[in-house]
């Protein structure tokens, strides 16, 4: 009996723990999901709204950067010159980035356009999975379900562009001249106002039109990530409650098993009232 009760308590604990793990994994289902074409009306809205103003839709090809290329020389350097700036010799963005751009080994294949002059390293961009998971589950682009290969490829392009493109650092939201480390609203990784070739944004929209994405705050990826963090925080209270409840159930099962064991061996913890009265009288 004792062993059975303990085993039952263990099974109960394992079941609840399994439900707890499942809750943590499926929390993403609470994200409002809609097809791209119901969130964004165009490629312009996708590029500008999804990334919270990091990018600007630009039709003038000579003044617009591209997130992917096949040329031997990076065409984005020429765009920087057309904007009256110089291609940077340092990597201004600060997160997983290198201090200065430089070549990567022959195994550098996922973000291959930047192999000879990259602000990223092979370790941080070696696969699609690594690119997707680098910043935590709140930034996974497939939180609303798997994307079609054509759609996901554009997210890979953007991730490579952000990690590897030296010119992206010219559009840091808080450049060194303005960055205040004591201001919690400042950071060294966010971008703002970088002109992106309109045709690239439009192609991205066409590729993802029927895929689903987080629709919170009109499809703002930053707001979606923040929503995930809030949900995870509120979930943590539920986690503590379930764990505490499981511990109480296990403890009660143990006490009950002990009482039954004493009763069956003729040594009850609580004697019958009649027997207690006789003991008192004698």
Protein backbone atom coordinates (compact mmCIF):
# COMPACT_ATOMS: atom_id res chain seq x y z
CA UNK A 1 0.00 0.00 0.00
CA UNK A 2 2.78 2.35 0.99
CA UNK A 3 4.69 1.77 -2.25
CA UNK A 4 1.52 2.10 -4.31
CA UNK A 5 0.62 5.43 -2.80
CA UNK A 6 4.09 6.79 -3.30
CA UNK A 7 4.06 5.58 -6.88
CA UNK A 8 0.69 7.22 -7.41
CA UNK A 9 2.00 10.48 -6.02
CA UNK A 10 5.04 10.24 -8.26
CA UNK A 11 2.85 9.64 -11.30
CA UNK A 12 0.69 12.64 -10.35
CA UNK A 13 3.76 14.82 -9.96
CA UNK A 14 5.18 13.65 -13.29
CA UNK A 15 1.86 14.29 -15.02
CA UNK A 16 1.57 17.79 -13.66
CA UNK A 17 5.20 18.46 -14.45
CA UNK A 18 4.61 17.28 -18.00
CA UNK A 19 1.64 19.64 -18.30
CA UNK A 20 3.87 22.39 -16.96
CA UNK A 21 6.51 21.76 -19.62
CA UNK A 22 3.82 21.69 -22.28
CA UNK A 23 2.46 25.02 -21.04
CA UNK A 24 5.87 26.60 -21.37
CA UNK A 25 6.30 25.26 -24.89
CA UNK A 26 2.86 26.18 -26.21
CA UNK A 27 2.62 29.67 -24.69
CA UNK A 28 3.24 30.98 -28.21
CA UNK A 29 -0.25 29.88 -29.21
CA UNK A 30 -1.56 32.89 -27.30
CA UNK A 31 0.06 35.19 -29.86
CA UNK A 32 -2.55 36.62 -32.26
CA UNK A 33 -1.69 35.10 -35.64
CA UNK A 34 -2.91 36.22 -39.05
CA UNK A 35 -1.78 35.81 -42.67
CA UNK A 36 0.70 38.44 -43.81
CA UNK A 37 -1.77 39.97 -46.24
CA UNK A 38 -4.18 40.64 -43.36
CA UNK A 39 -1.46 42.34 -41.30
CA UNK A 40 0.38 44.30 -43.99
CA UNK A 41 -1.16 45.86 -47.07
CA UNK A 42 2.11 45.99 -49.03
CA UNK A 43 5.83 45.41 -49.08
CA UNK A 44 6.30 48.92 -47.75
CA UNK A 45 4.25 48.16 -44.63
CA UNK A 46 6.05 44.87 -44.11
CA UNK A 47 9.54 46.39 -44.19
CA UNK A 48 8.71 49.53 -42.25
CA UNK A 49 6.21 48.25 -39.68
CA UNK A 50 7.56 44.79 -38.91
CA UNK A 51 10.94 46.16 -37.86
CA UNK A 52 9.66 49.16 -35.89
CA UNK A 53 11.15 51.81 -38.18
CA UNK A 54 14.52 50.12 -38.62
CA UNK A 55 14.00 50.18 -42.40
CA UNK A 56 12.50 52.62 -44.89
CA UNK A 57 10.99 51.58 -48.23
CA UNK A 58 13.03 53.27 -50.99
CA UNK A 59 12.25 53.14 -54.74
CA UNK A 60 15.44 54.87 -55.88
CA UNK A 61 17.77 51.93 -56.41
CA UNK A 62 20.92 54.04 -56.17
CA UNK A 63 19.90 55.17 -52.66
CA UNK A 64 18.56 51.84 -51.38
CA UNK A 65 20.36 48.95 -49.70
CA UNK A 66 19.64 45.31 -50.45
CA UNK A 67 19.54 42.52 -47.88
CA UNK A 68 21.01 39.96 -50.29
CA UNK A 69 23.33 40.02 -53.28
CA UNK A 70 25.42 37.77 -55.52
CA UNK A 71 28.01 40.29 -56.71
CA UNK A 72 31.66 39.80 -55.87
CA UNK A 73 31.75 43.31 -54.41
CA UNK A 74 29.13 44.40 -51.92
CA UNK A 75 26.75 46.78 -53.80
CA UNK A 76 25.73 48.35 -50.51
CA UNK A 77 29.08 50.14 -50.31
CA UNK A 78 28.16 52.12 -53.42
CA UNK A 79 24.80 53.04 -51.91
CA UNK A 80 26.59 54.40 -48.86
CA UNK A 81 28.77 56.56 -51.09
CA UNK A 82 25.69 57.78 -52.98
CA UNK A 83 24.28 58.90 -49.65
CA UNK A 84 27.40 60.99 -49.05
CA UNK A 85 28.88 58.63 -46.47
CA UNK A 86 31.89 56.34 -46.35
CA UNK A 87 31.65 52.55 -45.98
CA UNK A 88 32.55 51.91 -42.34
CA UNK A 89 35.79 50.29 -41.25
CA UNK A 90 34.27 49.24 -37.92
CA UNK A 91 31.13 47.37 -36.94
CA UNK A 92 28.96 49.95 -35.20
CA UNK A 93 26.21 47.55 -34.16
CA UNK A 94 26.92 45.82 -30.86
CA UNK A 95 25.44 42.45 -30.00
CA UNK A 96 26.98 39.36 -31.55
CA UNK A 97 28.96 41.54 -33.95
CA UNK A 98 32.72 41.74 -34.43
CA UNK A 99 34.59 44.96 -33.73
CA UNK A 100 35.79 45.29 -37.33
CA UNK A 101 34.62 43.61 -40.55
CA UNK A 102 36.81 40.95 -42.05
CA UNK A 103 36.92 37.61 -43.91
CA UNK A 104 35.42 34.36 -42.64
CA UNK A 105 36.46 30.74 -43.38
CA UNK A 106 35.28 28.61 -46.29
CA UNK A 107 32.69 27.00 -44.01
CA UNK A 108 30.90 30.35 -43.95
CA UNK A 109 28.04 29.39 -46.27
CA UNK A 110 24.68 30.45 -44.79
CA UNK A 111 25.39 34.18 -45.14
CA UNK A 112 27.86 33.71 -48.00
CA UNK A 113 27.54 37.17 -49.67
CA UNK A 114 29.51 38.65 -46.75
CA UNK A 115 32.20 35.97 -46.54
CA UNK A 116 35.08 38.29 -47.47
CA UNK A 117 34.00 41.28 -45.39
CA UNK A 118 31.62 40.50 -42.54
CA UNK A 119 30.70 41.94 -39.17
CA UNK A 120 29.47 38.48 -38.13
CA UNK A 121 31.30 35.27 -37.36
CA UNK A 122 30.74 31.72 -38.54
CA UNK A 123 29.77 30.75 -34.99
CA UNK A 124 26.76 33.08 -34.91
CA UNK A 125 25.41 32.51 -38.45
CA UNK A 126 26.36 28.95 -39.35
CA UNK A 127 22.79 27.75 -39.92
CA UNK A 128 19.19 28.88 -40.29
CA UNK A 129 18.42 27.41 -36.87
CA UNK A 130 21.26 29.38 -35.27
CA UNK A 131 20.12 32.62 -36.88
CA UNK A 132 16.56 32.07 -35.70
CA UNK A 133 17.47 31.16 -32.13
CA UNK A 134 20.27 33.66 -31.46
CA UNK A 135 18.08 36.19 -29.67
CA UNK A 136 15.73 33.88 -27.78
CA UNK A 137 12.34 32.27 -28.47
CA UNK A 138 10.52 35.63 -28.45
CA UNK A 139 12.30 36.48 -31.72
CA UNK A 140 11.53 33.25 -33.56
CA UNK A 141 9.93 34.21 -36.87
CA UNK A 142 7.81 31.03 -36.91
CA UNK A 143 5.95 31.52 -33.64
CA UNK A 144 2.68 31.23 -35.57
CA UNK A 145 3.70 27.98 -37.20
CA UNK A 146 6.21 26.86 -39.83
CA UNK A 147 6.77 29.27 -42.71
CA UNK A 148 6.98 28.20 -46.31
CA UNK A 149 10.61 27.87 -47.51
CA UNK A 150 10.25 30.90 -49.81
CA UNK A 151 8.98 33.08 -46.98
CA UNK A 152 11.49 31.88 -44.40
CA UNK A 153 14.34 32.59 -46.79
CA UNK A 154 13.61 36.32 -46.59
CA UNK A 155 13.87 36.19 -42.80
CA UNK A 156 17.22 34.47 -43.20
CA UNK A 157 18.30 37.23 -45.61
CA UNK A 158 17.33 39.90 -43.09
CA UNK A 159 19.09 38.08 -40.24
CA UNK A 160 22.29 37.74 -42.28
CA UNK A 161 22.05 41.36 -43.33
CA UNK A 162 21.67 42.55 -39.74
CA UNK A 163 24.46 40.36 -38.41
CA UNK A 164 26.96 40.72 -41.23
CA UNK A 165 26.45 43.96 -43.20
CA UNK A 166 28.97 46.65 -42.09
CA UNK A 167 26.85 49.45 -43.57
CA UNK A 168 23.93 48.55 -41.29
CA UNK A 169 25.86 50.09 -38.39
CA UNK A 170 25.62 53.52 -40.02
CA UNK A 171 21.92 53.45 -39.12
CA UNK A 172 22.23 52.57 -35.46
CA UNK A 173 19.33 54.17 -33.60
CA UNK A 174 21.61 55.45 -30.87
CA UNK A 175 25.03 56.14 -32.43
CA UNK A 176 28.05 56.60 -30.22
CA UNK A 177 27.59 60.39 -30.33
CA UNK A 178 24.13 60.01 -28.73
CA UNK A 179 24.32 56.74 -26.84
CA UNK A 180 23.91 57.12 -23.08
CA UNK A 181 24.63 53.87 -21.20
CA UNK A 182 22.84 55.20 -18.12
CA UNK A 183 19.60 55.61 -20.10
CA UNK A 184 17.72 52.30 -20.01
CA UNK A 185 15.90 53.17 -23.24
CA UNK A 186 19.19 53.32 -25.17
CA UNK A 187 20.96 50.34 -26.71
CA UNK A 188 23.73 49.65 -29.19
CA UNK A 189 21.99 47.06 -31.33
CA UNK A 190 18.83 48.72 -32.69
CA UNK A 191 18.64 50.29 -36.15
CA UNK A 192 16.56 53.16 -37.49
CA UNK A 193 15.69 54.55 -40.93
CA UNK A 194 17.90 52.45 -43.20
CA UNK A 195 16.60 52.71 -46.80
CA UNK A 196 15.86 49.27 -48.28
CA UNK A 197 15.28 48.62 -51.96
CA UNK A 198 11.53 48.64 -52.64
CA UNK A 199 11.70 45.63 -54.95
CA UNK A 200 13.22 43.54 -52.17
CA UNK A 201 10.41 44.50 -49.76
CA UNK A 202 7.78 43.76 -52.40
CA UNK A 203 9.30 40.35 -53.16
CA UNK A 204 9.33 39.55 -49.44
CA UNK A 205 5.64 40.43 -49.23
CA UNK A 206 4.76 38.23 -52.20
CA UNK A 207 6.72 35.28 -50.79
CA UNK A 208 5.03 35.50 -47.38
CA UNK A 209 1.58 36.72 -48.38
CA UNK A 210 -0.29 33.63 -47.19
CA UNK A 211 2.01 32.63 -44.33
CA UNK A 212 1.06 33.51 -40.78
CA UNK A 213 2.85 35.95 -38.47
CA UNK A 214 2.27 37.66 -35.15
CA UNK A 215 -0.42 40.31 -35.63
CA UNK A 216 0.05 42.05 -32.28
CA UNK A 217 0.46 45.84 -32.59
CA UNK A 218 -0.12 45.69 -36.36
CA UNK A 219 2.65 43.14 -36.88
CA UNK A 220 5.43 44.98 -35.03
CA UNK A 221 8.05 42.28 -34.38
CA UNK A 222 9.44 44.20 -31.39
CA UNK A 223 6.01 44.39 -29.75
CA UNK A 224 5.44 40.71 -30.43
CA UNK A 225 8.71 39.87 -28.68
CA UNK A 226 7.75 42.06 -25.71
CA UNK A 227 4.35 40.36 -25.53
CA UNK A 228 6.08 37.00 -25.32
CA UNK A 229 8.20 38.23 -22.41
CA UNK A 230 5.11 39.49 -20.57
CA UNK A 231 3.32 36.18 -21.12
CA UNK A 232 6.33 34.26 -19.92
CA UNK A 233 6.47 36.42 -16.76
CA UNK A 234 2.79 35.88 -15.98
CA UNK A 235 3.26 32.19 -16.67
CA UNK A 236 6.02 32.04 -14.08
CA UNK A 237 3.44 32.66 -11.34
CA UNK A 238 1.44 29.69 -12.58
CA UNK A 239 4.62 27.63 -12.66
CA UNK A 240 5.37 28.36 -9.00
CA UNK A 241 1.79 27.58 -7.99
CA UNK A 242 1.73 24.23 -9.80
CA UNK A 243 5.10 23.16 -8.41
CA UNK A 244 4.06 24.13 -4.86
CA UNK A 245 0.78 22.25 -5.26
CA UNK A 246 2.60 19.15 -6.50
CA UNK A 247 4.90 19.21 -3.48
CA UNK A 248 1.92 19.43 -1.11
CA UNK A 249 0.21 16.48 -2.84
CA UNK A 250 3.35 14.37 -2.60
CA UNK A 251 3.74 15.25 1.10
CA UNK A 252 0.10 14.37 1.86
CA UNK A 253 0.42 11.07 0.02
CA UNK A 254 3.50 10.26 2.06
CA UNK A 255 1.74 11.03 5.37
CA UNK A 256 -1.30 8.95 4.38
CA UNK A 257 0.91 6.03 3.39
CA UNK A 258 2.71 6.21 6.74
CA UNK A 259 -0.57 6.17 8.68
CA UNK A 260 -1.86 3.17 6.72
CA UNK A 261 1.42 1.34 7.26
CA UNK A 262 1.27 1.86 11.05
CA UNK A 263 -2.36 0.74 11.12
CA UNK A 264 -1.63 -2.49 9.24
CA UNK A 265 1.31 -3.39 11.46
CA UNK A 266 -0.80 -3.04 14.61
CA UNK A 267 0.84 0.20 15.70
CA UNK A 268 -1.71 2.89 14.84
CA UNK A 269 -0.66 6.46 15.42
CA UNK A 270 -4.18 7.38 16.55
CA UNK A 271 -5.78 4.84 18.94
CA UNK A 272 -9.58 4.38 19.13
CA UNK A 273 -11.35 6.70 21.61
CA UNK A 274 -12.53 3.74 23.73
CA UNK A 275 -9.00 2.47 24.15
CA UNK A 276 -7.77 5.97 24.99
CA UNK A 277 -10.47 6.28 27.72
CA UNK A 278 -9.51 2.93 29.30
CA UNK A 279 -5.88 3.97 29.38
CA UNK A 280 -6.80 7.19 31.14
CA UNK A 281 -8.99 5.36 33.77
CA UNK A 282 -6.25 2.86 34.56
